[in-house]
Amino acid sequence: MDSCLAVERELEKVLNKFGNLRETSNRTLENLISNVEDVERKLCEGSDDEQVSAAQMAVVALFAKKVKDTVAKIATEHRDLHSTVSKVGKAIDRNFIADFGATGIDDVFETAENLKYLNQVVCEHFCRQGMLDIAEELIKEAKLEMDSGKKEPFFELNRISEALKHHDLQPALE
């Protein structure tokens, strides 16, 4: 459980940084858009001739530099997120052991007892999923012993589930 909490903490940091970046980027871009509209309005207010004065050129150049700096700042903040995201992966690697050794044991199901357990688990899975006919066939073919007391809850749940799919609440209420 501690492992999950450690990963969750790292994930919360990432989500908070994403949220903060989104808010600041939106606010910054809205300000830039407003400033572009102001500069455009000022340029249009000038003279009616199509000549741009040196002062207007200086304002546009200054504003272009401001836009470039702002975009660079947002790009840097975005790049910083990559390291935070990679910390989540490192937290997962640190807190969870990837032990796939048991999956490669060739003779694990060669004993009759282990094969019986495997078939039992698969059969119970089919029962839980409502695949009762497949479970019954597996019981027969694998010669499993599953008493009716163990099967009955699965049959009952499947019957209720089917009734609910047809908007019939009566079996669930019984």
C-alpha atoms as a PDB file:
ATOM      1  CA  MET A   1       0.000   0.000   0.000  1.00  0.00           C
ATOM      2  CA  ASP A   2       2.898   2.346   0.731  1.00  0.00           C
ATOM      3  CA  SER A   3       4.129   1.758  -2.808  1.00  0.00           C
ATOM      4  CA  CYS A   4       0.827   2.911  -4.256  1.00  0.00           C
ATOM      5  CA  LEU A   5       0.828   5.987  -2.029  1.00  0.00           C
ATOM      6  CA  ALA A   6       4.364   6.896  -3.089  1.00  0.00           C
ATOM      7  CA  VAL A   7       3.428   6.676  -6.754  1.00  0.00           C
ATOM      8  CA  GLU A   8       0.213   8.586  -6.089  1.00  0.00           C
ATOM      9  CA  ARG A   9       2.191  11.420  -4.461  1.00  0.00           C
ATOM     10  CA  GLU A  10       4.419  11.717  -7.528  1.00  0.00           C
ATOM     11  CA  LEU A  11       1.376  11.612  -9.772  1.00  0.00           C
ATOM     12  CA  GLU A  12      -0.296  14.381  -7.762  1.00  0.00           C
ATOM     13  CA  LYS A  13       2.803  16.532  -8.246  1.00  0.00           C
ATOM     14  CA  VAL A  14       2.591  15.996 -12.001  1.00  0.00           C
ATOM     15  CA  LEU A  15      -1.110  16.796 -12.112  1.00  0.00           C
ATOM     16  CA  ASN A  16      -0.593  19.947 -10.040  1.00  0.00           C
ATOM     17  CA  LYS A  17       2.233  21.104 -12.315  1.00  0.00           C
ATOM     18  CA  PHE A  18       0.104  20.419 -15.404  1.00  0.00           C
ATOM     19  CA  GLY A  19      -2.754  22.418 -13.893  1.00  0.00           C
ATOM     20  CA  ASN A  20      -0.488  25.305 -12.911  1.00  0.00           C
ATOM     21  CA  LEU A  21       1.168  25.339 -16.333  1.00  0.00           C
ATOM     22  CA  ARG A  22      -2.212  25.353 -18.050  1.00  0.00           C
ATOM     23  CA  GLU A  23      -3.443  28.260 -15.912  1.00  0.00           C
ATOM     24  CA  THR A  24      -0.320  30.378 -16.326  1.00  0.00           C
ATOM     25  CA  SER A  25      -0.048  29.597 -20.045  1.00  0.00           C
ATOM     26  CA  ASN A  26      -3.691  30.499 -20.642  1.00  0.00           C
ATOM     27  CA  ARG A  27      -3.342  33.717 -18.663  1.00  0.00           C
ATOM     28  CA  THR A  28      -0.111  34.632 -20.450  1.00  0.00           C
ATOM     29  CA  LEU A  29      -1.509  33.871 -23.892  1.00  0.00           C
ATOM     30  CA  GLU A  30      -4.687  35.838 -23.169  1.00  0.00           C
ATOM     31  CA  ASN A  31      -2.513  38.818 -22.181  1.00  0.00           C
ATOM     32  CA  LEU A  32      -0.462  38.448 -25.361  1.00  0.00           C
ATOM     33  CA  ILE A  33      -3.592  38.316 -27.491  1.00  0.00           C
ATOM     34  CA  SER A  34      -4.892  41.427 -25.767  1.00  0.00           C
ATOM     35  CA  ASN A  35      -1.567  43.168 -26.361  1.00  0.00           C
ATOM     36  CA  VAL A  36      -1.547  42.149 -30.042  1.00  0.00           C
ATOM     37  CA  GLU A  37      -5.025  43.617 -30.427  1.00  0.00           C
ATOM     38  CA  ASP A  38      -3.861  46.832 -28.741  1.00  0.00           C
ATOM     39  CA  VAL A  39      -0.821  47.127 -31.008  1.00  0.00           C
ATOM     40  CA  GLU A  40      -2.973  46.427 -34.044  1.00  0.00           C
ATOM     41  CA  ARG A  41      -5.469  49.089 -32.976  1.00  0.00           C
ATOM     42  CA  LYS A  42      -2.673  51.627 -32.417  1.00  0.00           C
ATOM     43  CA  LEU A  43      -1.172  50.884 -35.817  1.00  0.00           C
ATOM     44  CA  CYS A  44      -4.531  51.318 -37.494  1.00  0.00           C
ATOM     45  CA  GLU A  45      -5.200  54.589 -35.634  1.00  0.00           C
ATOM     46  CA  GLY A  46      -2.030  56.183 -36.953  1.00  0.00           C
ATOM     47  CA  SER A  47      -2.059  57.858 -40.283  1.00  0.00           C
ATOM     48  CA  ASP A  48      -4.247  56.898 -43.198  1.00  0.00           C
ATOM     49  CA  ASP A  49      -1.323  56.389 -45.506  1.00  0.00           C
ATOM     50  CA  GLU A  50       0.171  52.958 -45.576  1.00  0.00           C
ATOM     51  CA  GLN A  51       3.564  54.128 -44.364  1.00  0.00           C
ATOM     52  CA  VAL A  52       4.691  52.772 -41.000  1.00  0.00           C
ATOM     53  CA  SER A  53       6.581  55.251 -38.874  1.00  0.00           C
ATOM     54  CA  ALA A  54       9.851  54.454 -37.122  1.00  0.00           C
ATOM     55  CA  ALA A  55       8.089  54.633 -33.760  1.00  0.00           C
ATOM     56  CA  GLN A  56       5.489  52.131 -34.893  1.00  0.00           C
ATOM     57  CA  MET A  57       8.245  49.833 -36.168  1.00  0.00           C
ATOM     58  CA  ALA A  58      10.000  50.072 -32.804  1.00  0.00           C
ATOM     59  CA  VAL A  59       6.758  49.174 -30.982  1.00  0.00           C
ATOM     60  CA  VAL A  60       6.213  46.177 -33.256  1.00  0.00           C
ATOM     61  CA  ALA A  61       9.816  45.008 -32.862  1.00  0.00           C
ATOM     62  CA  LEU A  62       9.622  45.383 -29.089  1.00  0.00           C
ATOM     63  CA  PHE A  63       6.366  43.494 -29.008  1.00  0.00           C
ATOM     64  CA  ALA A  64       7.731  40.731 -31.264  1.00  0.00           C
ATOM     65  CA  LYS A  65      10.606  40.276 -28.812  1.00  0.00           C
ATOM     66  CA  LYS A  66       8.117  40.074 -25.948  1.00  0.00           C
ATOM     67  CA  VAL A  67       6.114  37.383 -27.775  1.00  0.00           C
ATOM     68  CA  LYS A  68       9.292  35.427 -28.549  1.00  0.00           C
ATOM     69  CA  ASP A  69      10.432  35.601 -24.902  1.00  0.00           C
ATOM     70  CA  THR A  70       7.007  34.511 -23.664  1.00  0.00           C
ATOM     71  CA  VAL A  71       6.886  31.538 -26.029  1.00  0.00           C
ATOM     72  CA  ALA A  72      10.388  30.528 -24.929  1.00  0.00           C
ATOM     73  CA  LYS A  73       9.313  30.740 -21.276  1.00  0.00           C
ATOM     74  CA  ILE A  74       6.258  28.533 -21.899  1.00  0.00           C
ATOM     75  CA  ALA A  75       8.420  26.043 -23.821  1.00  0.00           C
ATOM     76  CA  THR A  76      10.888  25.884 -20.927  1.00  0.00           C
ATOM     77  CA  GLU A  77       8.110  25.305 -18.407  1.00  0.00           C
ATOM     78  CA  HIS A  78       6.747  22.564 -20.651  1.00  0.00           C
ATOM     79  CA  ARG A  79      10.179  20.943 -20.883  1.00  0.00           C
ATOM     80  CA  ASP A  80      10.418  20.986 -17.088  1.00  0.00           C
ATOM     81  CA  LEU A  81       7.263  18.867 -16.982  1.00  0.00           C
ATOM     82  CA  HIS A  82       9.100  16.040 -18.713  1.00  0.00           C
ATOM     83  CA  SER A  83      11.393  15.536 -15.749  1.00  0.00           C
ATOM     84  CA  THR A  84       8.415  15.524 -13.380  1.00  0.00           C
ATOM     85  CA  VAL A  85       6.629  12.935 -15.500  1.00  0.00           C
ATOM     86  CA  SER A  86       9.727  10.756 -15.595  1.00  0.00           C
ATOM     87  CA  LYS A  87       9.799  10.851 -11.787  1.00  0.00           C
ATOM     88  CA  VAL A  88       6.480   8.981 -11.800  1.00  0.00           C
ATOM     89  CA  GLY A  89       8.073   6.214 -13.850  1.00  0.00           C
ATOM     90  CA  LYS A  90      11.041   6.130 -11.499  1.00  0.00           C
ATOM     91  CA  ALA A  91       8.688   5.930  -8.502  1.00  0.00           C
ATOM     92  CA  ILE A  92       6.917   2.980 -10.111  1.00  0.00           C
ATOM     93  CA  ASP A  93      10.237   1.264 -10.799  1.00  0.00           C
ATOM     94  CA  ARG A  94      11.421   1.955  -7.257  1.00  0.00           C
ATOM     95  CA  ASN A  95       8.238   0.791  -5.511  1.00  0.00           C
ATOM     96  CA  PHE A  96       7.171  -2.199  -7.573  1.00  0.00           C
ATOM     97  CA  ILE A  97       9.184  -5.277  -8.358  1.00  0.00           C
ATOM     98  CA  ALA A  98       8.810  -6.648 -11.848  1.00  0.00           C
ATOM     99  CA  ASP A  99       9.201 -10.326 -11.040  1.00  0.00           C
ATOM    100  CA  PHE A 100       8.282 -12.307 -14.089  1.00  0.00           C
ATOM    101  CA  GLY A 101      10.394 -15.284 -13.078  1.00  0.00           C
ATOM    102  CA  ALA A 102       7.415 -17.397 -12.080  1.00  0.00           C
ATOM    103  CA  THR A 103       5.815 -16.987 -15.477  1.00  0.00           C
ATOM    104  CA  GLY A 104       8.727 -18.681 -17.190  1.00  0.00           C
ATOM    105  CA  ILE A 105       8.791 -21.873 -15.133  1.00  0.00           C
ATOM    106  CA  ASP A 106       8.092 -24.593 -17.674  1.00  0.00           C
ATOM    107  CA  ASP A 107       7.072 -27.388 -15.347  1.00  0.00           C
ATOM    108  CA  VAL A 108       4.808 -25.389 -13.043  1.00  0.00           C
ATOM    109  CA  PHE A 109       1.630 -27.025 -14.375  1.00  0.00           C
ATOM    110  CA  GLU A 110       3.009 -30.516 -14.916  1.00  0.00           C
ATOM    111  CA  THR A 111       1.840 -31.845 -11.578  1.00  0.00           C
ATOM    112  CA  ALA A 112      -1.750 -32.994 -11.407  1.00  0.00           C
ATOM    113  CA  GLU A 113      -2.417 -30.902  -8.315  1.00  0.00           C
ATOM    114  CA  ASN A 114      -1.209 -27.646  -9.909  1.00  0.00           C
ATOM    115  CA  LEU A 115      -3.159 -28.365 -13.094  1.00  0.00           C
ATOM    116  CA  LYS A 116      -6.262 -28.968 -10.985  1.00  0.00           C
ATOM    117  CA  TYR A 117      -5.789 -25.607  -9.246  1.00  0.00           C
ATOM    118  CA  LEU A 118      -5.353 -23.850 -12.587  1.00  0.00           C
ATOM    119  CA  ASN A 119      -8.519 -25.418 -13.990  1.00  0.00           C
ATOM    120  CA  GLN A 120     -10.377 -24.528 -10.786  1.00  0.00           C
ATOM    121  CA  VAL A 121      -9.334 -20.869 -11.052  1.00  0.00           C
ATOM    122  CA  VAL A 122     -10.270 -20.700 -14.735  1.00  0.00           C
ATOM    123  CA  CYS A 123     -13.612 -22.334 -13.987  1.00  0.00           C
ATOM    124  CA  GLU A 124     -14.384 -19.835 -11.222  1.00  0.00           C
ATOM    125  CA  HIS A 125     -13.447 -17.023 -13.600  1.00  0.00           C
ATOM    126  CA  PHE A 126     -15.934 -18.298 -16.174  1.00  0.00           C
ATOM    127  CA  CYS A 127     -18.601 -18.533 -13.459  1.00  0.00           C
ATOM    128  CA  ARG A 128     -17.967 -14.952 -12.319  1.00  0.00           C
ATOM    129  CA  GLN A 129     -18.160 -13.703 -15.889  1.00  0.00           C
ATOM    130  CA  GLY A 130     -21.499 -15.434 -16.439  1.00  0.00           C
ATOM    131  CA  MET A 131     -20.054 -17.998 -18.856  1.00  0.00           C
ATOM    132  CA  LEU A 132     -21.740 -20.812 -16.999  1.00  0.00           C
ATOM    133  CA  ASP A 133     -21.969 -23.196 -19.959  1.00  0.00           C
ATOM    134  CA  ILE A 134     -18.210 -22.951 -20.528  1.00  0.00           C
ATOM    135  CA  ALA A 135     -17.586 -23.475 -16.806  1.00  0.00           C
ATOM    136  CA  GLU A 136     -19.796 -26.584 -16.816  1.00  0.00           C
ATOM    137  CA  GLU A 137     -17.941 -27.989 -19.816  1.00  0.00           C
ATOM    138  CA  LEU A 138     -14.574 -27.335 -18.147  1.00  0.00           C
ATOM    139  CA  ILE A 139     -15.805 -29.105 -15.005  1.00  0.00           C
ATOM    140  CA  LYS A 140     -16.699 -32.147 -17.097  1.00  0.00           C
ATOM    141  CA  GLU A 141     -13.551 -32.221 -19.231  1.00  0.00           C
ATOM    142  CA  ALA A 142     -11.115 -31.521 -16.390  1.00  0.00           C
ATOM    143  CA  LYS A 143     -13.023 -33.844 -14.066  1.00  0.00           C
ATOM    144  CA  LEU A 144     -13.249 -31.120 -11.440  1.00  0.00           C
ATOM    145  CA  GLU A 145     -15.284 -31.535  -8.320  1.00  0.00           C
ATOM    146  CA  MET A 146     -17.287 -28.398  -7.708  1.00  0.00           C
ATOM    147  CA  ASP A 147     -20.206 -28.839  -5.367  1.00  0.00           C
ATOM    148  CA  SER A 148     -23.486 -27.173  -6.235  1.00  0.00           C
ATOM    149  CA  GLY A 149     -23.237 -24.962  -3.135  1.00  0.00           C
ATOM    150  CA  LYS A 150     -20.207 -23.276  -4.649  1.00  0.00           C
ATOM    151  CA  LYS A 151     -21.785 -22.926  -8.103  1.00  0.00           C
ATOM    152  CA  GLU A 152     -25.218 -21.765  -6.956  1.00  0.00           C
ATOM    153  CA  PRO A 153     -24.254 -18.150  -6.080  1.00  0.00           C
ATOM    154  CA  PHE A 154     -22.782 -17.709  -9.558  1.00  0.00           C
ATOM    155  CA  PHE A 155     -25.932 -19.069 -11.195  1.00  0.00           C
ATOM    156  CA  GLU A 156     -28.088 -16.786  -9.022  1.00  0.00           C
ATOM    157  CA  LEU A 157     -25.995 -13.698  -9.783  1.00  0.00           C
ATOM    158  CA  ASN A 158     -26.095 -14.461 -13.487  1.00  0.00           C
ATOM    159  CA  ARG A 159     -29.897 -14.899 -13.365  1.00  0.00           C
ATOM    160  CA  ILE A 160     -30.279 -11.539 -11.563  1.00  0.00           C
ATOM    161  CA  SER A 161     -27.872  -9.850 -13.968  1.00  0.00           C
ATOM    162  CA  GLU A 162     -29.784 -11.112 -17.000  1.00  0.00           C
ATOM    163  CA  ALA A 163     -33.079  -9.947 -15.488  1.00  0.00           C
ATOM    164  CA  LEU A 164     -31.633  -6.485 -14.800  1.00  0.00           C
ATOM    165  CA  LYS A 165     -30.491  -6.217 -18.411  1.00  0.00           C
ATOM    166  CA  HIS A 166     -34.174  -6.655 -19.364  1.00  0.00           C
ATOM    167  CA  HIS A 167     -35.223  -4.035 -16.772  1.00  0.00           C
ATOM    168  CA  ASP A 168     -36.736  -6.677 -14.487  1.00  0.00           C
ATOM    169  CA  LEU A 169     -35.960  -5.804 -10.873  1.00  0.00           C
ATOM    170  CA  GLN A 170     -37.961  -8.615  -9.272  1.00  0.00           C
ATOM    171  CA  PRO A 171     -35.157 -11.246  -9.064  1.00  0.00           C
ATOM    172  CA  ALA A 172     -32.837  -8.675  -7.467  1.00  0.00           C
ATOM    173  CA  LEU A 173     -35.467  -7.797  -4.876  1.00  0.00           C
ATOM    174  CA  GLU A 174     -36.135 -11.415  -3.894  1.00  0.00           C
END
